Amino acid sequence: LSGVDKPQLLYVGTAMGDEAGHGLRMIEAGQE
């Protein structure tokens, strides 16, 4: 929906207290 070839994605984990594991899993999923 962004219409961008290589979109810049920002993950916001406030609802889980910025728990580090959630952020890491999102980064790994993005790498994949």
Full PDB file with SEQRES, HELIX, SHEET, SSBOND, CRYST1, ORIGX, SCALE, CONECT and MASTER records, all heavy atoms in Angstrom:
SEQRES   1 A   32  LEU SER GLY VAL ASP LYS PRO GLN LEU LEU TYR VAL GLY          
SEQRES   2 A   32  THR ALA MET GLY ASP GLU ALA GLY HIS GLY LEU ARG MET          
SEQRES   3 A   32  ILE GLU ALA GLY GLN GLU                                      
HELIX    1 AA1 THR A   14  MET A   16  5                                   3    
HELIX    2 AA2 ALA A   20  GLN A   31  1                                  12    
CRYST1    1.000    1.000    1.000  90.00  90.00  90.00 P 1           1          
ORIGX1      1.000000  0.000000  0.000000        0.00000                         
ORIGX2      0.000000  1.000000  0.000000        0.00000                         
ORIGX3      0.000000  0.000000  1.000000        0.00000                         
SCALE1      1.000000  0.000000  0.000000        0.00000                         
SCALE2      0.000000  1.000000  0.000000        0.00000                         
SCALE3      0.000000  0.000000  1.000000        0.00000                         
ATOM      1  N   LEU A   1       0.809  -1.213   0.000  1.00  0.00           N  
ATOM      2  CA  LEU A   1       0.000   0.000   0.000  1.00  0.00           C  
ATOM      3  C   LEU A   1       0.845   1.266   0.000  1.00  0.00           C  
ATOM      4  O   LEU A   1       0.368   2.335  -0.390  1.00  0.00           O  
ATOM      5  CB  LEU A   1      -0.936   0.008   1.207  1.00  0.00           C  
ATOM      6  CG  LEU A   1      -2.138  -0.943   1.146  1.00  0.00           C  
ATOM      7  CD1 LEU A   1      -2.814  -1.037   2.513  1.00  0.00           C  
ATOM      8  CD2 LEU A   1      -3.137  -0.490   0.088  1.00  0.00           C  
ATOM      9  N   SER A   2       2.097   1.156   0.422  1.00  0.00           N  
ATOM     10  CA  SER A   2       2.972   2.326   0.430  1.00  0.00           C  
ATOM     11  C   SER A   2       3.324   2.778  -0.978  1.00  0.00           C  
ATOM     12  O   SER A   2       3.686   3.930  -1.195  1.00  0.00           O  
ATOM     13  CB  SER A   2       4.259   2.031   1.207  1.00  0.00           C  
ATOM     14  OG  SER A   2       5.104   1.153   0.472  1.00  0.00           O  
ATOM     15  N   GLY A   3       3.266   1.839  -1.942  1.00  0.00           N  
ATOM     16  CA  GLY A   3       3.625   2.173  -3.303  1.00  0.00           C  
ATOM     17  C   GLY A   3       5.107   2.376  -3.517  1.00  0.00           C  
ATOM     18  O   GLY A   3       5.523   2.913  -4.552  1.00  0.00           O  
ATOM     19  N   VAL A   4       5.931   1.910  -2.563  1.00  0.00           N  
ATOM     20  CA  VAL A   4       7.379   2.100  -2.619  1.00  0.00           C  
ATOM     21  C   VAL A   4       8.052   0.756  -2.870  1.00  0.00           C  
ATOM     22  O   VAL A   4       7.657  -0.256  -2.280  1.00  0.00           O  
ATOM     23  CB  VAL A   4       7.895   2.719  -1.299  1.00  0.00           C  
ATOM     24  CG1 VAL A   4       9.410   2.849  -1.297  1.00  0.00           C  
ATOM     25  CG2 VAL A   4       7.239   4.079  -1.067  1.00  0.00           C  
ATOM     26  N   ASP A   5       9.061   0.729  -3.726  1.00  0.00           N  
ATOM     27  CA  ASP A   5       9.744  -0.528  -4.047  1.00  0.00           C  
ATOM     28  C   ASP A   5      10.416  -1.132  -2.830  1.00  0.00           C  
ATOM     29  O   ASP A   5      10.324  -2.337  -2.582  1.00  0.00           O  
ATOM     30  CB  ASP A   5      10.781  -0.301  -5.149  1.00  0.00           C  
ATOM     31  CG  ASP A   5      10.135  -0.059  -6.508  1.00  0.00           C  
ATOM     32  OD1 ASP A   5       8.978  -0.477  -6.679  1.00  0.00           O  
ATOM     33  OD2 ASP A   5      10.784   0.552  -7.370  1.00  0.00           O  
ATOM     34  N   LYS A   6      11.129  -0.329  -2.073  1.00  0.00           N  
ATOM     35  CA  LYS A   6      11.803  -0.780  -0.860  1.00  0.00           C  
ATOM     36  C   LYS A   6      11.318   0.068   0.316  1.00  0.00           C  
ATOM     37  O   LYS A   6      11.999   0.984   0.771  1.00  0.00           O  
ATOM     38  CB  LYS A   6      13.324  -0.662  -1.009  1.00  0.00           C  
ATOM     39  CG  LYS A   6      13.945  -1.726  -1.898  1.00  0.00           C  
ATOM     40  CD  LYS A   6      13.912  -3.087  -1.206  1.00  0.00           C  
ATOM     41  CE  LYS A   6      14.635  -4.146  -2.030  1.00  0.00           C  
ATOM     42  NZ  LYS A   6      14.582  -5.476  -1.365  1.00  0.00           N  
ATOM     43  N   PRO A   7      10.121  -0.219   0.799  1.00  0.00           N  
ATOM     44  CA  PRO A   7       9.554   0.628   1.851  1.00  0.00           C  
ATOM     45  C   PRO A   7      10.327   0.540   3.156  1.00  0.00           C  
ATOM     46  O   PRO A   7      10.874  -0.503   3.513  1.00  0.00           O  
ATOM     47  CB  PRO A   7       8.135   0.072   2.025  1.00  0.00           C  
ATOM     48  CG  PRO A   7       8.206  -1.331   1.510  1.00  0.00           C  
ATOM     49  CD  PRO A   7       9.226  -1.322   0.422  1.00  0.00           C  
ATOM     50  N   GLN A   8      10.382   1.652   3.835  1.00  0.00           N  
ATOM     51  CA  GLN A   8      10.985   1.729   5.163  1.00  0.00           C  
ATOM     52  C   GLN A   8       9.903   1.411   6.191  1.00  0.00           C  
ATOM     53  O   GLN A   8       8.899   2.119   6.287  1.00  0.00           O  
ATOM     54  CB  GLN A   8      11.561   3.128   5.411  1.00  0.00           C  
ATOM     55  CG  GLN A   8      12.647   3.532   4.433  1.00  0.00           C  
ATOM     56  CD  GLN A   8      13.885   2.673   4.592  1.00  0.00           C  
ATOM     57  OE1 GLN A   8      14.391   2.490   5.698  1.00  0.00           O  
ATOM     58  NE2 GLN A   8      14.386   2.150   3.490  1.00  0.00           N  
ATOM     59  N   LEU A   9      10.112   0.338   6.973  1.00  0.00           N  
ATOM     60  CA  LEU A   9       9.106  -0.133   7.926  1.00  0.00           C  
ATOM     61  C   LEU A   9       9.527   0.190   9.353  1.00  0.00           C  
ATOM     62  O   LEU A   9      10.655  -0.095   9.760  1.00  0.00           O  
ATOM     63  CB  LEU A   9       8.915  -1.642   7.768  1.00  0.00           C  
ATOM     64  CG  LEU A   9       7.954  -2.321   8.751  1.00  0.00           C  
ATOM     65  CD1 LEU A   9       6.538  -1.787   8.600  1.00  0.00           C  
ATOM     66  CD2 LEU A   9       7.971  -3.837   8.549  1.00  0.00           C  
ATOM     67  N   LEU A  10       8.596   0.771  10.091  1.00  0.00           N  
ATOM     68  CA  LEU A  10       8.827   1.084  11.504  1.00  0.00           C  
ATOM     69  C   LEU A  10       7.897   0.224  12.348  1.00  0.00           C  
ATOM     70  O   LEU A  10       6.670   0.262  12.174  1.00  0.00           O  
ATOM     71  CB  LEU A  10       8.544   2.563  11.773  1.00  0.00           C  
ATOM     72  CG  LEU A  10       8.799   3.059  13.201  1.00  0.00           C  
ATOM     73  CD1 LEU A  10      10.275   2.953  13.565  1.00  0.00           C  
ATOM     74  CD2 LEU A  10       8.318   4.505  13.363  1.00  0.00           C  
ATOM     75  N   TYR A  11       8.472  -0.564  13.265  1.00  0.00           N  
ATOM     76  CA  TYR A  11       7.673  -1.390  14.177  1.00  0.00           C  
ATOM     77  C   TYR A  11       7.541  -0.685  15.515  1.00  0.00           C  
ATOM     78  O   TYR A  11       8.536  -0.247  16.116  1.00  0.00           O  
ATOM     79  CB  TYR A  11       8.317  -2.761  14.376  1.00  0.00           C  
ATOM     80  CG  TYR A  11       7.619  -3.585  15.431  1.00  0.00           C  
ATOM     81  CD1 TYR A  11       6.324  -4.061  15.240  1.00  0.00           C  
ATOM     82  CD2 TYR A  11       8.244  -3.868  16.649  1.00  0.00           C  
ATOM     83  CE1 TYR A  11       5.672  -4.795  16.210  1.00  0.00           C  
ATOM     84  CE2 TYR A  11       7.602  -4.611  17.635  1.00  0.00           C  
ATOM     85  CZ  TYR A  11       6.319  -5.065  17.403  1.00  0.00           C  
ATOM     86  OH  TYR A  11       5.676  -5.785  18.376  1.00  0.00           O  
ATOM     87  N   VAL A  12       6.294  -0.594  15.994  1.00  0.00           N  
ATOM     88  CA  VAL A  12       6.001   0.069  17.269  1.00  0.00           C  
ATOM     89  C   VAL A  12       5.444  -0.968  18.233  1.00  0.00           C  
ATOM     90  O   VAL A  12       4.342  -1.484  18.043  1.00  0.00           O  
ATOM     91  CB  VAL A  12       4.990   1.223  17.068  1.00  0.00           C  
ATOM     92  CG1 VAL A  12       4.741   1.938  18.403  1.00  0.00           C  
ATOM     93  CG2 VAL A  12       5.490   2.199  16.015  1.00  0.00           C  
ATOM     94  N   GLY A  13       6.205  -1.285  19.277  1.00  0.00           N  
ATOM     95  CA  GLY A  13       5.818  -2.327  20.223  1.00  0.00           C  
ATOM     96  C   GLY A  13       5.380  -1.807  21.572  1.00  0.00           C  
ATOM     97  O   GLY A  13       5.477  -2.530  22.573  1.00  0.00           O  
ATOM     98  N   THR A  14       4.868  -0.582  21.617  1.00  0.00           N  
ATOM     99  CA  THR A  14       4.467   0.023  22.895  1.00  0.00           C  
ATOM    100  C   THR A  14       3.480  -0.839  23.665  1.00  0.00           C  
ATOM    101  O   THR A  14       3.535  -0.926  24.896  1.00  0.00           O  
ATOM    102  CB  THR A  14       3.818   1.406  22.653  1.00  0.00           C  
ATOM    103  OG1 THR A  14       4.565   2.138  21.695  1.00  0.00           O  
ATOM    104  CG2 THR A  14       3.731   2.190  23.950  1.00  0.00           C  
ATOM    105  N   ALA A  15       2.550  -1.476  22.972  1.00  0.00           N  
ATOM    106  CA  ALA A  15       1.482  -2.228  23.633  1.00  0.00           C  
ATOM    107  C   ALA A  15       2.011  -3.421  24.417  1.00  0.00           C  
ATOM    108  O   ALA A  15       1.324  -3.942  25.298  1.00  0.00           O  
ATOM    109  CB  ALA A  15       0.447  -2.695  22.615  1.00  0.00           C  
ATOM    110  N   MET A  16       3.234  -3.872  24.111  1.00  0.00           N  
ATOM    111  CA  MET A  16       3.886  -4.941  24.875  1.00  0.00           C  
ATOM    112  C   MET A  16       5.072  -4.408  25.668  1.00  0.00           C  
ATOM    113  O   MET A  16       5.996  -5.143  26.008  1.00  0.00           O  
ATOM    114  CB  MET A  16       4.333  -6.059  23.942  1.00  0.00           C  
ATOM    115  CG  MET A  16       3.192  -6.884  23.361  1.00  0.00           C  
ATOM    116  SD  MET A  16       2.249  -7.796  24.622  1.00  0.00           S  
ATOM    117  CE  MET A  16       3.448  -9.049  25.089  1.00  0.00           C  
ATOM    118  N   GLY A  17       5.040  -3.121  25.969  1.00  0.00           N  
ATOM    119  CA  GLY A  17       6.088  -2.529  26.785  1.00  0.00           C  
ATOM    120  C   GLY A  17       7.449  -2.507  26.109  1.00  0.00           C  
ATOM    121  O   GLY A  17       8.485  -2.525  26.787  1.00  0.00           O  
ATOM    122  N   ASP A  18       7.453  -2.460  24.768  1.00  0.00           N  
ATOM    123  CA  ASP A  18       8.715  -2.472  24.009  1.00  0.00           C  
ATOM    124  C   ASP A  18       9.568  -3.680  24.369  1.00  0.00           C  
ATOM    125  O   ASP A  18      10.802  -3.589  24.424  1.00  0.00           O  
ATOM    126  CB  ASP A  18       9.517  -1.181  24.229  1.00  0.00           C  
ATOM    127  CG  ASP A  18       8.857   0.030  23.605  1.00  0.00           C  
ATOM    128  OD1 ASP A  18       8.026  -0.146  22.688  1.00  0.00           O  
ATOM    129  OD2 ASP A  18       9.162   1.156  24.030  1.00  0.00           O  
ATOM    130  N   GLU A  19       8.928  -4.812  24.631  1.00  0.00           N  
ATOM    131  CA  GLU A  19       9.650  -6.032  25.000  1.00  0.00           C  
ATOM    132  C   GLU A  19      10.657  -6.372  23.904  1.00  0.00           C  
ATOM    133  O   GLU A  19      10.332  -6.438  22.725  1.00  0.00           O  
ATOM    134  CB  GLU A  19       8.645  -7.166  25.188  1.00  0.00           C  
ATOM    135  CG  GLU A  19       9.185  -8.360  25.966  1.00  0.00           C  
ATOM    136  CD  GLU A  19       9.880  -9.338  25.063  1.00  0.00           C  
ATOM    137  OE1 GLU A  19       9.394  -9.563  23.942  1.00  0.00           O  
ATOM    138  OE2 GLU A  19      10.926  -9.878  25.480  1.00  0.00           O  
ATOM    139  N   ALA A  20      11.913  -6.551  24.314  1.00  0.00           N  
ATOM    140  CA  ALA A  20      13.018  -6.668  23.355  1.00  0.00           C  
ATOM    141  C   ALA A  20      12.842  -7.837  22.397  1.00  0.00           C  
ATOM    142  O   ALA A  20      13.188  -7.742  21.216  1.00  0.00           O  
ATOM    143  CB  ALA A  20      14.344  -6.786  24.099  1.00  0.00           C  
ATOM    144  N   GLY A  21      12.304  -8.951  22.895  1.00  0.00           N  
ATOM    145  CA  GLY A  21      12.154 -10.123  22.050  1.00  0.00           C  
ATOM    146  C   GLY A  21      11.238  -9.885  20.873  1.00  0.00           C  
ATOM    147  O   GLY A  21      11.489 -10.376  19.764  1.00  0.00           O  
ATOM    148  N   HIS A  22      10.161  -9.122  21.081  1.00  0.00           N  
ATOM    149  CA  HIS A  22       9.241  -8.834  19.985  1.00  0.00           C  
ATOM    150  C   HIS A  22       9.935  -8.019  18.899  1.00  0.00           C  
ATOM    151  O   HIS A  22       9.780  -8.289  17.706  1.00  0.00           O  
ATOM    152  CB  HIS A  22       8.016  -8.083  20.501  1.00  0.00           C  
ATOM    153  CG  HIS A  22       7.058  -8.935  21.280  1.00  0.00           C  
ATOM    154  ND1 HIS A  22       6.123  -9.740  20.678  1.00  0.00           N  
ATOM    155  CD2 HIS A  22       6.901  -9.104  22.612  1.00  0.00           C  
ATOM    156  CE1 HIS A  22       5.425 -10.377  21.603  1.00  0.00           C  
ATOM    157  NE2 HIS A  22       5.885 -10.018  22.787  1.00  0.00           N  
ATOM    158  N   GLY A  23      10.690  -7.028  19.321  1.00  0.00           N  
ATOM    159  CA  GLY A  23      11.407  -6.220  18.353  1.00  0.00           C  
ATOM    160  C   GLY A  23      12.409  -7.034  17.561  1.00  0.00           C  
ATOM    161  O   GLY A  23      12.525  -6.894  16.337  1.00  0.00           O  
ATOM    162  N   LEU A  24      13.144  -7.905  18.258  1.00  0.00           N  
ATOM    163  CA  LEU A  24      14.135  -8.748  17.586  1.00  0.00           C  
ATOM    164  C   LEU A  24      13.471  -9.675  16.582  1.00  0.00           C  
ATOM    165  O   LEU A  24      13.971  -9.855  15.457  1.00  0.00           O  
ATOM    166  CB  LEU A  24      14.917  -9.558  18.622  1.00  0.00           C  
ATOM    167  CG  LEU A  24      15.970 -10.525  18.067  1.00  0.00           C  
ATOM    168  CD1 LEU A  24      17.018  -9.776  17.256  1.00  0.00           C  
ATOM    169  CD2 LEU A  24      16.624 -11.304  19.208  1.00  0.00           C  
ATOM    170  N   ARG A  25      12.345 -10.251  16.956  1.00  0.00           N  
ATOM    171  CA  ARG A  25      11.644 -11.150  16.033  1.00  0.00           C  
ATOM    172  C   ARG A  25      11.159 -10.410  14.789  1.00  0.00           C  
ATOM    173  O   ARG A  25      11.172 -10.963  13.679  1.00  0.00           O  
ATOM    174  CB  ARG A  25      10.486 -11.844  16.750  1.00  0.00           C  
ATOM    175  CG  ARG A  25      10.955 -12.931  17.733  1.00  0.00           C  
ATOM    176  CD  ARG A  25       9.800 -13.736  18.262  1.00  0.00           C  
ATOM    177  NE  ARG A  25       9.030 -13.031  19.253  1.00  0.00           N  
ATOM    178  CZ  ARG A  25       9.321 -12.987  20.562  1.00  0.00           C  
ATOM    179  NH1 ARG A  25      10.397 -13.620  21.017  1.00  0.00           N  
ATOM    180  NH2 ARG A  25       8.554 -12.330  21.409  1.00  0.00           N  
ATOM    181  N   MET A  26      10.741  -9.160  14.959  1.00  0.00           N  
ATOM    182  CA  MET A  26      10.320  -8.378  13.801  1.00  0.00           C  
ATOM    183  C   MET A  26      11.503  -8.048  12.894  1.00  0.00           C  
ATOM    184  O   MET A  26      11.393  -8.082  11.664  1.00  0.00           O  
ATOM    185  CB  MET A  26       9.614  -7.103  14.254  1.00  0.00           C  
ATOM    186  CG  MET A  26       8.220  -7.330  14.821  1.00  0.00           C  
ATOM    187  SD  MET A  26       7.047  -7.988  13.604  1.00  0.00           S  
ATOM    188  CE  MET A  26       6.894  -6.595  12.492  1.00  0.00           C  
ATOM    189  N   ILE A  27      12.637  -7.734  13.489  1.00  0.00           N  
ATOM    190  CA  ILE A  27      13.834  -7.454  12.694  1.00  0.00           C  
ATOM    191  C   ILE A  27      14.238  -8.691  11.903  1.00  0.00           C  
ATOM    192  O   ILE A  27      14.552  -8.612  10.708  1.00  0.00           O  
ATOM    193  CB  ILE A  27      14.976  -6.981  13.611  1.00  0.00           C  
ATOM    194  CG1 ILE A  27      14.658  -5.581  14.160  1.00  0.00           C  
ATOM    195  CG2 ILE A  27      16.309  -6.971  12.850  1.00  0.00           C  
ATOM    196  CD1 ILE A  27      15.621  -5.104  15.229  1.00  0.00           C  
ATOM    197  N   GLU A  28      14.220  -9.856  12.546  1.00  0.00           N  
ATOM    198  CA  GLU A  28      14.581 -11.104  11.866  1.00  0.00           C  
ATOM    199  C   GLU A  28      13.584 -11.427  10.749  1.00  0.00           C  
ATOM    200  O   GLU A  28      13.977 -11.865   9.663  1.00  0.00           O  
ATOM    201  CB  GLU A  28      14.635 -12.251  12.872  1.00  0.00           C  
ATOM    202  CG  GLU A  28      15.788 -12.154  13.847  1.00  0.00           C  
ATOM    203  CD  GLU A  28      15.758 -13.240  14.899  1.00  0.00           C  
ATOM    204  OE1 GLU A  28      14.666 -13.816  15.135  1.00  0.00           O  
ATOM    205  OE2 GLU A  28      16.804 -13.511  15.495  1.00  0.00           O  
ATOM    206  N   ALA A  29      12.300 -11.205  11.014  1.00  0.00           N  
ATOM    207  CA  ALA A  29      11.296 -11.441   9.981  1.00  0.00           C  
ATOM    208  C   ALA A  29      11.511 -10.505   8.795  1.00  0.00           C  
ATOM    209  O   ALA A  29      11.355 -10.902   7.634  1.00  0.00           O  
ATOM    210  CB  ALA A  29       9.889 -11.249  10.560  1.00  0.00           C  
ATOM    211  N   GLY A  30      11.884  -9.273   9.085  1.00  0.00           N  
ATOM    212  CA  GLY A  30      12.167  -8.329   8.019  1.00  0.00           C  
ATOM    213  C   GLY A  30      13.370  -8.747   7.197  1.00  0.00           C  
ATOM    214  O   GLY A  30      13.360  -8.630   5.964  1.00  0.00           O  
ATOM    215  N   GLN A  31      14.404  -9.228   7.855  1.00  0.00           N  
ATOM    216  CA  GLN A  31      15.586  -9.702   7.132  1.00  0.00           C  
ATOM    217  C   GLN A  31      15.214 -10.831   6.184  1.00  0.00           C  
ATOM    218  O   GLN A  31      15.677 -10.886   5.036  1.00  0.00           O  
ATOM    219  CB  GLN A  31      16.654 -10.163   8.130  1.00  0.00           C  
ATOM    220  CG  GLN A  31      17.291  -9.027   8.906  1.00  0.00           C  
ATOM    221  CD  GLN A  31      18.215  -9.506  10.012  1.00  0.00           C  
ATOM    222  OE1 GLN A  31      18.131 -10.654  10.453  1.00  0.00           O  
ATOM    223  NE2 GLN A  31      19.090  -8.633  10.479  1.00  0.00           N  
ATOM    224  N   GLU A  32      14.372 -11.746   6.643  1.00  0.00           N  
ATOM    225  CA  GLU A  32      13.934 -12.866   5.804  1.00  0.00           C  
ATOM    226  C   GLU A  32      13.133 -12.359   4.606  1.00  0.00           C  
ATOM    227  O   GLU A  32      13.181 -12.951   3.521  1.00  0.00           O  
ATOM    228  CB  GLU A  32      13.092 -13.833   6.638  1.00  0.00           C  
ATOM    229  CG  GLU A  32      12.762 -15.147   5.958  1.00  0.00           C  
ATOM    230  CD  GLU A  32      13.956 -16.089   5.846  1.00  0.00           C  
ATOM    231  OE1 GLU A  32      15.011 -15.818   6.466  1.00  0.00           O  
ATOM    232  OE2 GLU A  32      13.835 -17.089   5.121  1.00  0.00           O  
TER     233      GLU A  32                                                      
MASTER        0    0    0    2    0    0    0    6  232    1    0    3          
END                                                                             
